[in-house]
Amino acid sequence: MGEKARLGPGRASRLRNEFWREFGYHHGHVRVRNRPSVFALESTNLCNLRCVMCPRGEPDVMDRSLGSMSDEVLDRILDEARFFDDPCYFHWFGEPLLHPRLFEQIERAKSRGVPNLAISTNATLLDADRARSILESRLDTLVISIDGATKEVYERVRLSGLHEYEQVVENARRFLAARRAMAIARPRTILSIIVMDETEPDLVEFRRLWERAGADEVQFKPFHTWASQVDGVIELATAADRARASIPRRNPCRFLWESVVIAWNGLVVPCCNDYDAKEVLGDLKVQSLDEIWNGERIQRLRRDELAGCNDSTLCAGCTQAPGHTRQRLWPIRR
């Protein structure tokens, strides 16, 4: 692999890719010229909590096999993908700190040119040793997800017989204190909470608590309906989110023109809502990302999405797909 590939795309390359992404979407192309942004690599889908709003939680409706990404699959991805400035999340479902080679793989990804690598952790395993490993790594962004500002709310949302609210909070506080003591800015650390009916009363206190503790950002994450694939989960959302989720999407989903998610075993899917890999676009163990990105499966999805008849298992009921009214753009002058 050459020096340019190792260092990742430059600004001109990123801008060119953004242009062709917009051009393909707005002109309704089913075969596109841009490369996909890799939104997430699934380090593992093993998890130690059973959160009420998660398909991997309670009840556990995920049917696909459990495992962790191997070095071979990761290397294949790093050979195939181009990574841009937005965070590439080294997690999807599961708790990344359960991966036995997480820190070796973070170094592997950074050494191959991933400019902004992120993980999200539930902080149950963020003990002093793992905190030090994160701080000594080249990880760019860390999201610590704690759904609640009180013991009662947290333990109703994140079901566990082993991990208590007090310990999770202490783990996060200790990490922030250790980063402050080392006088370093990386990883950028975000404390997040999912906005749902159960957590909405805690939002103000959550922001106060973690801003005082030294978080770089406090993030209120929107509630996921998982493309309406999980029965009953919408009832956990706020009343406003339930109302929005009842409105059918009006524009083609941009995800089909801009990004992919890659599961721990190399399967490529269109978006993070595809928790069971129902709409597999291809397999990086036997195909290139370029082949998958303009392959027959995704071209069919784009064609159906443009025609307003995308009845795939993943997309048919989705009301959260990002999209815009399409406007024809001028081509690049050469």
C-alpha atoms as a PDB file:
ATOM      1  CA  MET A   1       0.000   0.000   0.000  1.00  0.00           C
ATOM      2  CA  GLY A   2       1.389   3.386  -1.010  1.00  0.00           C
ATOM      3  CA  GLU A   3       2.039   6.418   1.164  1.00  0.00           C
ATOM      4  CA  LYS A   4      -1.033   8.293  -0.130  1.00  0.00           C
ATOM      5  CA  ALA A   5      -3.363   5.425   0.797  1.00  0.00           C
ATOM      6  CA  ARG A   6      -1.842   5.094   4.252  1.00  0.00           C
ATOM      7  CA  LEU A   7      -2.303   8.770   4.993  1.00  0.00           C
ATOM      8  CA  GLY A   8      -5.917   8.823   3.829  1.00  0.00           C
ATOM      9  CA  PRO A   9      -7.656  11.220   1.439  1.00  0.00           C
ATOM     10  CA  GLY A  10      -6.598  14.842   1.277  1.00  0.00           C
ATOM     11  CA  ARG A  11      -8.895  17.852   1.297  1.00  0.00           C
ATOM     12  CA  ALA A  12      -9.271  17.955  -2.506  1.00  0.00           C
ATOM     13  CA  SER A  13     -10.186  14.274  -2.570  1.00  0.00           C
ATOM     14  CA  ARG A  14     -12.746  14.747   0.201  1.00  0.00           C
ATOM     15  CA  LEU A  15     -14.367  17.688  -1.549  1.00  0.00           C
ATOM     16  CA  ARG A  16     -14.496  15.771  -4.824  1.00  0.00           C
ATOM     17  CA  ASN A  17     -16.120  12.824  -3.086  1.00  0.00           C
ATOM     18  CA  GLU A  18     -18.668  15.117  -1.420  1.00  0.00           C
ATOM     19  CA  PHE A  19     -19.546  16.661  -4.778  1.00  0.00           C
ATOM     20  CA  TRP A  20     -20.168  13.315  -6.463  1.00  0.00           C
ATOM     21  CA  ARG A  21     -22.145  12.115  -3.451  1.00  0.00           C
ATOM     22  CA  GLU A  22     -24.489  15.103  -3.742  1.00  0.00           C
ATOM     23  CA  PHE A  23     -24.555  14.854  -7.524  1.00  0.00           C
ATOM     24  CA  GLY A  24     -25.567  11.187  -7.465  1.00  0.00           C
ATOM     25  CA  TYR A  25     -28.277  11.731  -4.869  1.00  0.00           C
ATOM     26  CA  HIS A  26     -29.824  14.815  -6.426  1.00  0.00           C
ATOM     27  CA  HIS A  27     -29.686  13.448  -9.981  1.00  0.00           C
ATOM     28  CA  GLY A  28     -31.131  10.103  -8.927  1.00  0.00           C
ATOM     29  CA  HIS A  29     -28.221   7.938 -10.063  1.00  0.00           C
ATOM     30  CA  VAL A  30     -28.357   4.290  -9.043  1.00  0.00           C
ATOM     31  CA  ARG A  31     -24.709   3.802 -10.010  1.00  0.00           C
ATOM     32  CA  VAL A  32     -22.601   6.459  -8.286  1.00  0.00           C
ATOM     33  CA  ARG A  33     -19.119   7.938  -8.632  1.00  0.00           C
ATOM     34  CA  ASN A  34     -18.418   8.742  -4.983  1.00  0.00           C
ATOM     35  CA  ARG A  35     -16.919   6.324  -2.496  1.00  0.00           C
ATOM     36  CA  PRO A  36     -18.954   5.451   0.604  1.00  0.00           C
ATOM     37  CA  SER A  37     -18.171   6.951   3.958  1.00  0.00           C
ATOM     38  CA  VAL A  38     -17.733   4.038   6.373  1.00  0.00           C
ATOM     39  CA  PHE A  39     -19.991   5.149   9.202  1.00  0.00           C
ATOM     40  CA  ALA A  40     -19.224   2.260  11.551  1.00  0.00           C
ATOM     41  CA  LEU A  41     -17.094  -0.850  11.918  1.00  0.00           C
ATOM     42  CA  GLU A  42     -18.487  -3.307  14.424  1.00  0.00           C
ATOM     43  CA  SER A  43     -15.659  -4.287  16.725  1.00  0.00           C
ATOM     44  CA  THR A  44     -17.974  -6.763  18.467  1.00  0.00           C
ATOM     45  CA  ASN A  45     -21.673  -7.378  19.022  1.00  0.00           C
ATOM     46  CA  LEU A  46     -21.103  -8.961  22.421  1.00  0.00           C
ATOM     47  CA  CYS A  47     -22.673  -6.889  25.181  1.00  0.00           C
ATOM     48  CA  ASN A  48     -22.921  -7.063  28.965  1.00  0.00           C
ATOM     49  CA  LEU A  49     -26.112  -5.001  29.365  1.00  0.00           C
ATOM     50  CA  ARG A  50     -29.706  -5.566  28.250  1.00  0.00           C
ATOM     51  CA  CYS A  51     -30.970  -2.051  27.589  1.00  0.00           C
ATOM     52  CA  VAL A  52     -34.708  -1.687  27.082  1.00  0.00           C
ATOM     53  CA  MET A  53     -34.412   0.381  23.872  1.00  0.00           C
ATOM     54  CA  CYS A  54     -31.840  -1.836  22.115  1.00  0.00           C
ATOM     55  CA  PRO A  55     -32.438  -4.845  19.823  1.00  0.00           C
ATOM     56  CA  ARG A  56     -29.471  -6.449  21.598  1.00  0.00           C
ATOM     57  CA  GLY A  57     -31.098  -5.761  24.954  1.00  0.00           C
ATOM     58  CA  GLU A  58     -34.393  -6.687  26.580  1.00  0.00           C
ATOM     59  CA  PRO A  59     -35.960  -8.437  24.829  1.00  0.00           C
ATOM     60  CA  ASP A  60     -32.973  -9.597  22.742  1.00  0.00           C
ATOM     61  CA  VAL A  61     -34.365  -9.799  19.205  1.00  0.00           C
ATOM     62  CA  MET A  62     -31.039 -10.005  17.387  1.00  0.00           C
ATOM     63  CA  ASP A  63     -30.756 -13.309  15.521  1.00  0.00           C
ATOM     64  CA  ARG A  64     -27.398 -12.903  13.795  1.00  0.00           C
ATOM     65  CA  SER A  65     -24.340 -14.633  15.163  1.00  0.00           C
ATOM     66  CA  LEU A  66     -22.216 -13.079  17.896  1.00  0.00           C
ATOM     67  CA  GLY A  67     -18.504 -12.444  17.606  1.00  0.00           C
ATOM     68  CA  SER A  68     -15.633  -9.969  17.393  1.00  0.00           C
ATOM     69  CA  MET A  69     -13.831  -8.552  14.375  1.00  0.00           C
ATOM     70  CA  SER A  70     -10.664 -10.421  13.470  1.00  0.00           C
ATOM     71  CA  ASP A  71      -7.446  -8.753  12.362  1.00  0.00           C
ATOM     72  CA  GLU A  72      -7.939 -10.322   8.932  1.00  0.00           C
ATOM     73  CA  VAL A  73     -11.361  -8.738   8.433  1.00  0.00           C
ATOM     74  CA  LEU A  74     -10.136  -5.398   9.766  1.00  0.00           C
ATOM     75  CA  ASP A  75      -7.147  -5.438   7.407  1.00  0.00           C
ATOM     76  CA  ARG A  76      -9.441  -6.223   4.497  1.00  0.00           C
ATOM     77  CA  ILE A  77     -11.586  -3.204   5.393  1.00  0.00           C
ATOM     78  CA  LEU A  78      -8.555  -0.945   5.780  1.00  0.00           C
ATOM     79  CA  ASP A  79      -7.319  -2.096   2.353  1.00  0.00           C
ATOM     80  CA  GLU A  80     -10.686  -1.324   0.719  1.00  0.00           C
ATOM     81  CA  ALA A  81     -12.134   1.730   2.420  1.00  0.00           C
ATOM     82  CA  ARG A  82     -11.416   5.448   2.268  1.00  0.00           C
ATOM     83  CA  PHE A  83     -11.928   7.308   5.522  1.00  0.00           C
ATOM     84  CA  PHE A  84     -12.929  10.949   5.710  1.00  0.00           C
ATOM     85  CA  ASP A  85     -13.002  13.487   8.560  1.00  0.00           C
ATOM     86  CA  ASP A  86     -16.285  12.532  10.216  1.00  0.00           C
ATOM     87  CA  PRO A  87     -15.856   9.970  12.980  1.00  0.00           C
ATOM     88  CA  CYS A  88     -15.676   6.366  11.896  1.00  0.00           C
ATOM     89  CA  TYR A  89     -17.165   4.518  14.845  1.00  0.00           C
ATOM     90  CA  PHE A  90     -15.364   1.315  15.808  1.00  0.00           C
ATOM     91  CA  HIS A  91     -18.566  -0.035  17.281  1.00  0.00           C
ATOM     92  CA  TRP A  92     -22.119  -0.706  16.219  1.00  0.00           C
ATOM     93  CA  PHE A  93     -23.883  -3.188  18.482  1.00  0.00           C
ATOM     94  CA  GLY A  94     -22.082  -4.497  21.520  1.00  0.00           C
ATOM     95  CA  GLU A  95     -19.597  -3.109  24.019  1.00  0.00           C
ATOM     96  CA  PRO A  96     -16.181  -2.435  22.410  1.00  0.00           C
ATOM     97  CA  LEU A  97     -14.276  -3.004  25.669  1.00  0.00           C
ATOM     98  CA  LEU A  98     -15.286  -6.674  25.455  1.00  0.00           C
ATOM     99  CA  HIS A  99     -13.095  -7.084  22.347  1.00  0.00           C
ATOM    100  CA  PRO A 100      -9.884  -8.814  23.508  1.00  0.00           C
ATOM    101  CA  ARG A 101      -7.739  -6.995  20.902  1.00  0.00           C
ATOM    102  CA  LEU A 102      -9.469  -3.627  20.883  1.00  0.00           C
ATOM    103  CA  PHE A 103      -6.401  -1.500  21.567  1.00  0.00           C
ATOM    104  CA  GLU A 104      -4.204  -3.382  19.095  1.00  0.00           C
ATOM    105  CA  GLN A 105      -6.895  -2.867  16.463  1.00  0.00           C
ATOM    106  CA  ILE A 106      -7.243   0.837  17.284  1.00  0.00           C
ATOM    107  CA  GLU A 107      -3.516   1.185  16.631  1.00  0.00           C
ATOM    108  CA  ARG A 108      -3.869  -0.877  13.448  1.00  0.00           C
ATOM    109  CA  ALA A 109      -6.616   1.422  12.149  1.00  0.00           C
ATOM    110  CA  LYS A 110      -4.802   4.627  13.086  1.00  0.00           C
ATOM    111  CA  SER A 111      -1.566   3.462  11.485  1.00  0.00           C
ATOM    112  CA  ARG A 112      -3.489   2.846   8.259  1.00  0.00           C
ATOM    113  CA  GLY A 113      -4.825   6.387   8.034  1.00  0.00           C
ATOM    114  CA  VAL A 114      -8.237   6.504   9.732  1.00  0.00           C
ATOM    115  CA  PRO A 115      -8.308  10.216  10.647  1.00  0.00           C
ATOM    116  CA  ASN A 116     -11.062  10.246  13.273  1.00  0.00           C
ATOM    117  CA  LEU A 117     -11.665   6.949  15.036  1.00  0.00           C
ATOM    118  CA  ALA A 118     -14.320   6.719  17.752  1.00  0.00           C
ATOM    119  CA  ILE A 119     -15.808   4.183  20.120  1.00  0.00           C
ATOM    120  CA  SER A 120     -18.854   4.327  22.347  1.00  0.00           C
ATOM    121  CA  THR A 121     -18.776   2.549  25.689  1.00  0.00           C
ATOM    122  CA  ASN A 122     -21.347   1.966  28.402  1.00  0.00           C
ATOM    123  CA  ALA A 123     -18.488   2.526  30.924  1.00  0.00           C
ATOM    124  CA  THR A 124     -19.231  -0.618  32.937  1.00  0.00           C
ATOM    125  CA  LEU A 125     -15.747  -1.953  32.089  1.00  0.00           C
ATOM    126  CA  LEU A 126     -13.965   1.400  32.093  1.00  0.00           C
ATOM    127  CA  ASP A 127     -11.717   0.554  35.029  1.00  0.00           C
ATOM    128  CA  ALA A 128      -8.388   2.243  35.751  1.00  0.00           C
ATOM    129  CA  ASP A 129      -6.396  -0.100  33.482  1.00  0.00           C
ATOM    130  CA  ARG A 130      -8.684   0.307  30.495  1.00  0.00           C
ATOM    131  CA  ALA A 131      -8.874   4.056  31.073  1.00  0.00           C
ATOM    132  CA  ARG A 132      -5.093   4.220  30.919  1.00  0.00           C
ATOM    133  CA  SER A 133      -5.060   2.090  27.756  1.00  0.00           C
ATOM    134  CA  ILE A 134      -7.512   4.459  26.082  1.00  0.00           C
ATOM    135  CA  LEU A 135      -5.547   7.532  27.132  1.00  0.00           C
ATOM    136  CA  GLU A 136      -2.311   6.002  25.863  1.00  0.00           C
ATOM    137  CA  SER A 137      -3.899   4.976  22.564  1.00  0.00           C
ATOM    138  CA  ARG A 138      -4.447   7.097  19.459  1.00  0.00           C
ATOM    139  CA  LEU A 139      -8.233   6.971  19.777  1.00  0.00           C
ATOM    140  CA  ASP A 140      -9.699  10.304  18.642  1.00  0.00           C
ATOM    141  CA  THR A 141     -13.205  10.288  20.120  1.00  0.00           C
ATOM    142  CA  LEU A 142     -14.757   8.495  23.077  1.00  0.00           C
ATOM    143  CA  VAL A 143     -18.503   8.487  23.682  1.00  0.00           C
ATOM    144  CA  ILE A 144     -19.525   7.433  27.195  1.00  0.00           C
ATOM    145  CA  SER A 145     -23.188   6.502  27.147  1.00  0.00           C
ATOM    146  CA  ILE A 146     -24.978   6.675  30.498  1.00  0.00           C
ATOM    147  CA  ASP A 147     -28.756   6.757  30.137  1.00  0.00           C
ATOM    148  CA  GLY A 148     -29.821   8.497  33.309  1.00  0.00           C
ATOM    149  CA  ALA A 149     -28.765  11.039  35.916  1.00  0.00           C
ATOM    150  CA  THR A 150     -30.188   9.030  38.803  1.00  0.00           C
ATOM    151  CA  LYS A 151     -29.755   5.467  39.947  1.00  0.00           C
ATOM    152  CA  GLU A 152     -33.468   4.737  39.568  1.00  0.00           C
ATOM    153  CA  VAL A 153     -33.728   5.877  35.940  1.00  0.00           C
ATOM    154  CA  TYR A 154     -30.402   4.373  34.858  1.00  0.00           C
ATOM    155  CA  GLU A 155     -31.161   0.935  36.284  1.00  0.00           C
ATOM    156  CA  ARG A 156     -34.642   0.858  34.741  1.00  0.00           C
ATOM    157  CA  VAL A 157     -33.137   1.559  31.308  1.00  0.00           C
ATOM    158  CA  ARG A 158     -29.855  -0.372  31.368  1.00  0.00           C
ATOM    159  CA  LEU A 159     -30.820  -3.700  32.840  1.00  0.00           C
ATOM    160  CA  SER A 160     -28.007  -5.558  34.589  1.00  0.00           C
ATOM    161  CA  GLY A 161     -27.544  -7.725  37.622  1.00  0.00           C
ATOM    162  CA  LEU A 162     -23.829  -6.922  37.766  1.00  0.00           C
ATOM    163  CA  HIS A 163     -23.287  -3.243  37.004  1.00  0.00           C
ATOM    164  CA  GLU A 164     -24.672  -0.471  39.186  1.00  0.00           C
ATOM    165  CA  TYR A 165     -25.125   3.211  38.447  1.00  0.00           C
ATOM    166  CA  GLU A 166     -22.680   4.360  41.117  1.00  0.00           C
ATOM    167  CA  GLN A 167     -19.812   2.327  39.674  1.00  0.00           C
ATOM    168  CA  VAL A 168     -20.504   3.450  36.104  1.00  0.00           C
ATOM    169  CA  VAL A 169     -20.500   7.102  37.184  1.00  0.00           C
ATOM    170  CA  GLU A 170     -17.274   6.584  39.141  1.00  0.00           C
ATOM    171  CA  ASN A 171     -15.628   4.966  36.103  1.00  0.00           C
ATOM    172  CA  ALA A 172     -16.530   7.938  33.897  1.00  0.00           C
ATOM    173  CA  ARG A 173     -15.451  10.502  36.487  1.00  0.00           C
ATOM    174  CA  ARG A 174     -12.125   8.715  37.011  1.00  0.00           C
ATOM    175  CA  PHE A 175     -11.473   8.661  33.267  1.00  0.00           C
ATOM    176  CA  LEU A 176     -12.136  12.399  32.919  1.00  0.00           C
ATOM    177  CA  ALA A 177      -9.950  13.124  35.951  1.00  0.00           C
ATOM    178  CA  ALA A 178      -7.109  11.002  34.570  1.00  0.00           C
ATOM    179  CA  ARG A 179      -7.260  12.786  31.223  1.00  0.00           C
ATOM    180  CA  ARG A 180      -7.184  16.141  33.019  1.00  0.00           C
ATOM    181  CA  ALA A 181      -4.210  15.038  35.119  1.00  0.00           C
ATOM    182  CA  MET A 182      -2.321  14.025  31.978  1.00  0.00           C
ATOM    183  CA  ALA A 183      -3.114  17.446  30.430  1.00  0.00           C
ATOM    184  CA  ILE A 184      -4.145  15.921  27.102  1.00  0.00           C
ATOM    185  CA  ALA A 185      -7.080  16.737  24.846  1.00  0.00           C
ATOM    186  CA  ARG A 186      -7.451  13.345  23.187  1.00  0.00           C
ATOM    187  CA  PRO A 187      -9.692  11.493  23.021  1.00  0.00           C
ATOM    188  CA  ARG A 188     -12.415  14.090  22.710  1.00  0.00           C
ATOM    189  CA  THR A 189     -14.858  12.802  25.321  1.00  0.00           C
ATOM    190  CA  ILE A 190     -18.622  13.029  24.916  1.00  0.00           C
ATOM    191  CA  LEU A 191     -21.126  12.024  27.577  1.00  0.00           C
ATOM    192  CA  SER A 192     -24.365  10.932  25.947  1.00  0.00           C
ATOM    193  CA  ILE A 193     -27.910  10.112  26.965  1.00  0.00           C
ATOM    194  CA  ILE A 194     -30.717   8.867  24.731  1.00  0.00           C
ATOM    195  CA  VAL A 195     -33.792  11.090  24.863  1.00  0.00           C
ATOM    196  CA  MET A 196     -36.763   8.884  25.704  1.00  0.00           C
ATOM    197  CA  ASP A 197     -39.798   9.049  27.931  1.00  0.00           C
ATOM    198  CA  GLU A 198     -37.876   7.542  30.862  1.00  0.00           C
ATOM    199  CA  THR A 199     -34.828   9.834  30.608  1.00  0.00           C
ATOM    200  CA  GLU A 200     -36.398  13.136  29.556  1.00  0.00           C
ATOM    201  CA  PRO A 201     -36.802  14.418  33.157  1.00  0.00           C
ATOM    202  CA  ASP A 202     -33.066  13.774  33.748  1.00  0.00           C
ATOM    203  CA  LEU A 203     -31.676  15.799  30.835  1.00  0.00           C
ATOM    204  CA  VAL A 204     -30.978  19.073  32.653  1.00  0.00           C
ATOM    205  CA  GLU A 205     -29.287  17.321  35.572  1.00  0.00           C
ATOM    206  CA  PHE A 206     -27.327  15.061  33.219  1.00  0.00           C
ATOM    207  CA  ARG A 207     -25.892  18.080  31.394  1.00  0.00           C
ATOM    208  CA  ARG A 208     -24.999  19.827  34.660  1.00  0.00           C
ATOM    209  CA  LEU A 209     -23.364  16.728  36.116  1.00  0.00           C
ATOM    210  CA  TRP A 210     -21.081  15.941  33.176  1.00  0.00           C
ATOM    211  CA  GLU A 211     -20.188  19.480  32.178  1.00  0.00           C
ATOM    212  CA  ARG A 212     -18.900  19.959  35.733  1.00  0.00           C
ATOM    213  CA  ALA A 213     -16.979  16.676  35.510  1.00  0.00           C
ATOM    214  CA  GLY A 214     -15.080  17.915  32.451  1.00  0.00           C
ATOM    215  CA  ALA A 215     -16.785  16.344  29.418  1.00  0.00           C
ATOM    216  CA  ASP A 216     -15.958  18.067  26.132  1.00  0.00           C
ATOM    217  CA  GLU A 217     -19.566  17.727  25.059  1.00  0.00           C
ATOM    218  CA  VAL A 218     -22.853  16.519  26.501  1.00  0.00           C
ATOM    219  CA  GLN A 219     -24.975  14.922  23.829  1.00  0.00           C
ATOM    220  CA  PHE A 220     -28.708  14.255  23.856  1.00  0.00           C
ATOM    221  CA  LYS A 221     -29.064  11.464  21.323  1.00  0.00           C
ATOM    222  CA  PRO A 222     -32.331  11.103  19.411  1.00  0.00           C
ATOM    223  CA  PHE A 223     -34.348   7.971  20.032  1.00  0.00           C
ATOM    224  CA  HIS A 224     -34.022   5.176  17.456  1.00  0.00           C
ATOM    225  CA  THR A 225     -37.061   3.247  16.309  1.00  0.00           C
ATOM    226  CA  TRP A 226     -34.777   0.786  14.449  1.00  0.00           C
ATOM    227  CA  ALA A 227     -36.704   1.495  11.235  1.00  0.00           C
ATOM    228  CA  SER A 228     -39.890   0.267  12.973  1.00  0.00           C
ATOM    229  CA  GLN A 229     -38.542  -3.298  12.982  1.00  0.00           C
ATOM    230  CA  VAL A 230     -38.787  -3.905  16.751  1.00  0.00           C
ATOM    231  CA  ASP A 231     -42.319  -4.284  18.104  1.00  0.00           C
ATOM    232  CA  GLY A 232     -43.167  -2.011  21.014  1.00  0.00           C
ATOM    233  CA  VAL A 233     -39.909  -0.038  21.104  1.00  0.00           C
ATOM    234  CA  ILE A 234     -41.612   3.141  19.867  1.00  0.00           C
ATOM    235  CA  GLU A 235     -43.611   3.227  23.112  1.00  0.00           C
ATOM    236  CA  LEU A 236     -40.365   4.097  24.943  1.00  0.00           C
ATOM    237  CA  ALA A 237     -39.932   7.313  22.926  1.00  0.00           C
ATOM    238  CA  THR A 238     -41.161  10.730  23.989  1.00  0.00           C
ATOM    239  CA  ALA A 239     -44.609  11.810  22.803  1.00  0.00           C
ATOM    240  CA  ALA A 240     -43.017  14.193  20.281  1.00  0.00           C
ATOM    241  CA  ASP A 241     -40.813  11.435  18.848  1.00  0.00           C
ATOM    242  CA  ARG A 242     -43.762   9.046  18.625  1.00  0.00           C
ATOM    243  CA  ALA A 243     -45.677  11.660  16.643  1.00  0.00           C
ATOM    244  CA  ARG A 244     -42.759  12.224  14.260  1.00  0.00           C
ATOM    245  CA  ALA A 245     -42.312   8.477  13.800  1.00  0.00           C
ATOM    246  CA  SER A 246     -45.857   8.210  12.476  1.00  0.00           C
ATOM    247  CA  ILE A 247     -45.079  10.440   9.461  1.00  0.00           C
ATOM    248  CA  PRO A 248     -43.880   8.497   6.383  1.00  0.00           C
ATOM    249  CA  ARG A 249     -40.604   9.677   4.902  1.00  0.00           C
ATOM    250  CA  ARG A 250     -41.079  12.040   1.991  1.00  0.00           C
ATOM    251  CA  ASN A 251     -37.663  11.942   0.329  1.00  0.00           C
ATOM    252  CA  PRO A 252     -35.209   9.195  -0.682  1.00  0.00           C
ATOM    253  CA  CYS A 253     -32.913   8.028   2.119  1.00  0.00           C
ATOM    254  CA  ARG A 254     -29.480   9.595   1.753  1.00  0.00           C
ATOM    255  CA  PHE A 255     -27.741   6.650   3.436  1.00  0.00           C
ATOM    256  CA  LEU A 256     -28.003   4.654   0.198  1.00  0.00           C
ATOM    257  CA  TRP A 257     -25.887   7.283  -1.549  1.00  0.00           C
ATOM    258  CA  GLU A 258     -23.349   8.129   1.132  1.00  0.00           C
ATOM    259  CA  SER A 259     -22.394   5.498   3.713  1.00  0.00           C
ATOM    260  CA  VAL A 260     -22.238   1.892   4.831  1.00  0.00           C
ATOM    261  CA  VAL A 261     -21.934  -0.028   8.088  1.00  0.00           C
ATOM    262  CA  ILE A 262     -19.662  -3.083   8.319  1.00  0.00           C
ATOM    263  CA  ALA A 263     -20.465  -5.901  10.745  1.00  0.00           C
ATOM    264  CA  TRP A 264     -17.834  -7.758  12.762  1.00  0.00           C
ATOM    265  CA  ASN A 265     -17.692 -10.600  10.201  1.00  0.00           C
ATOM    266  CA  GLY A 266     -17.288  -8.378   7.121  1.00  0.00           C
ATOM    267  CA  LEU A 267     -20.935  -8.170   6.027  1.00  0.00           C
ATOM    268  CA  VAL A 268     -21.824  -4.762   4.614  1.00  0.00           C
ATOM    269  CA  VAL A 269     -25.268  -3.262   5.309  1.00  0.00           C
ATOM    270  CA  PRO A 270     -26.838   0.081   4.371  1.00  0.00           C
ATOM    271  CA  CYS A 271     -27.257   1.654   7.802  1.00  0.00           C
ATOM    272  CA  CYS A 272     -27.087   1.218  11.562  1.00  0.00           C
ATOM    273  CA  ASN A 273     -30.789   0.311  11.773  1.00  0.00           C
ATOM    274  CA  ASP A 274     -30.092  -3.044  10.101  1.00  0.00           C
ATOM    275  CA  TYR A 275     -29.272  -4.743  13.402  1.00  0.00           C
ATOM    276  CA  ASP A 276     -29.899  -8.254  12.053  1.00  0.00           C
ATOM    277  CA  ALA A 277     -28.162  -7.720   8.687  1.00  0.00           C
ATOM    278  CA  LYS A 278     -31.408  -8.363   6.823  1.00  0.00           C
ATOM    279  CA  GLU A 279     -30.358  -6.297   3.805  1.00  0.00           C
ATOM    280  CA  VAL A 280     -26.790  -7.487   3.214  1.00  0.00           C
ATOM    281  CA  LEU A 281     -25.180  -5.597   0.341  1.00  0.00           C
ATOM    282  CA  GLY A 282     -22.126  -7.831   0.181  1.00  0.00           C
ATOM    283  CA  ASP A 283     -19.331  -9.581   2.053  1.00  0.00           C
ATOM    284  CA  LEU A 284     -15.876  -8.001   2.273  1.00  0.00           C
ATOM    285  CA  LYS A 285     -14.273 -11.397   2.800  1.00  0.00           C
ATOM    286  CA  VAL A 286     -15.023 -12.261  -0.848  1.00  0.00           C
ATOM    287  CA  GLN A 287     -15.821  -8.913  -2.525  1.00  0.00           C
ATOM    288  CA  SER A 288     -14.266  -5.496  -2.778  1.00  0.00           C
ATOM    289  CA  LEU A 289     -16.013  -2.489  -1.293  1.00  0.00           C
ATOM    290  CA  ASP A 290     -16.183  -0.925  -4.771  1.00  0.00           C
ATOM    291  CA  GLU A 291     -18.029  -3.983  -6.086  1.00  0.00           C
ATOM    292  CA  ILE A 292     -20.475  -3.863  -3.185  1.00  0.00           C
ATOM    293  CA  TRP A 293     -21.031  -0.088  -3.342  1.00  0.00           C
ATOM    294  CA  ASN A 294     -22.243  -0.243  -6.950  1.00  0.00           C
ATOM    295  CA  GLY A 295     -23.456  -3.821  -6.850  1.00  0.00           C
ATOM    296  CA  GLU A 296     -26.861  -5.107  -7.935  1.00  0.00           C
ATOM    297  CA  ARG A 297     -28.307  -5.149  -4.409  1.00  0.00           C
ATOM    298  CA  ILE A 298     -27.675  -1.515  -3.557  1.00  0.00           C
ATOM    299  CA  GLN A 299     -28.591  -0.368  -7.057  1.00  0.00           C
ATOM    300  CA  ARG A 300     -31.965  -2.098  -6.616  1.00  0.00           C
ATOM    301  CA  LEU A 301     -32.478  -0.366  -3.269  1.00  0.00           C
ATOM    302  CA  ARG A 302     -31.597   3.029  -4.784  1.00  0.00           C
ATOM    303  CA  ARG A 303     -33.929   2.444  -7.724  1.00  0.00           C
ATOM    304  CA  ASP A 304     -36.821   1.425  -5.483  1.00  0.00           C
ATOM    305  CA  GLU A 305     -36.136   4.277  -3.061  1.00  0.00           C
ATOM    306  CA  LEU A 306     -36.255   6.819  -5.897  1.00  0.00           C
ATOM    307  CA  ALA A 307     -39.515   5.327  -7.138  1.00  0.00           C
ATOM    308  CA  GLY A 308     -41.064   5.389  -3.669  1.00  0.00           C
ATOM    309  CA  CYS A 309     -41.584   1.615  -3.639  1.00  0.00           C
ATOM    310  CA  ASN A 310     -38.766   0.385  -1.393  1.00  0.00           C
ATOM    311  CA  ASP A 311     -40.538  -2.444   0.402  1.00  0.00           C
ATOM    312  CA  SER A 312     -37.388  -4.181   1.672  1.00  0.00           C
ATOM    313  CA  THR A 313     -37.613  -5.638   5.163  1.00  0.00           C
ATOM    314  CA  LEU A 314     -35.232  -2.974   6.453  1.00  0.00           C
ATOM    315  CA  CYS A 315     -36.637   0.113   4.754  1.00  0.00           C
ATOM    316  CA  ALA A 316     -40.377  -0.407   4.301  1.00  0.00           C
ATOM    317  CA  GLY A 317     -41.447   1.010   7.676  1.00  0.00           C
ATOM    318  CA  CYS A 318     -38.578   3.442   8.295  1.00  0.00           C
ATOM    319  CA  THR A 319     -39.614   6.996   9.149  1.00  0.00           C
ATOM    320  CA  GLN A 320     -36.200   8.209  10.363  1.00  0.00           C
ATOM    321  CA  ALA A 321     -34.296   8.038   7.089  1.00  0.00           C
ATOM    322  CA  PRO A 322     -32.458  11.316   6.339  1.00  0.00           C
ATOM    323  CA  GLY A 323     -33.385  12.821   2.992  1.00  0.00           C
ATOM    324  CA  HIS A 324     -34.004  16.068   1.145  1.00  0.00           C
ATOM    325  CA  THR A 325     -35.940  17.365  -1.821  1.00  0.00           C
ATOM    326  CA  ARG A 326     -33.708  16.629  -4.778  1.00  0.00           C
ATOM    327  CA  GLN A 327     -32.416  19.456  -6.984  1.00  0.00           C
ATOM    328  CA  ARG A 328     -30.381  18.917 -10.131  1.00  0.00           C
ATOM    329  CA  LEU A 329     -26.782  20.122  -9.823  1.00  0.00           C
ATOM    330  CA  TRP A 330     -24.380  21.362 -12.487  1.00  0.00           C
ATOM    331  CA  PRO A 331     -21.605  18.891 -13.364  1.00  0.00           C
ATOM    332  CA  ILE A 332     -17.959  19.639 -12.580  1.00  0.00           C
ATOM    333  CA  ARG A 333     -16.177  21.705 -15.240  1.00  0.00           C
ATOM    334  CA  ARG A 334     -13.059  19.929 -16.383  1.00  0.00           C
END
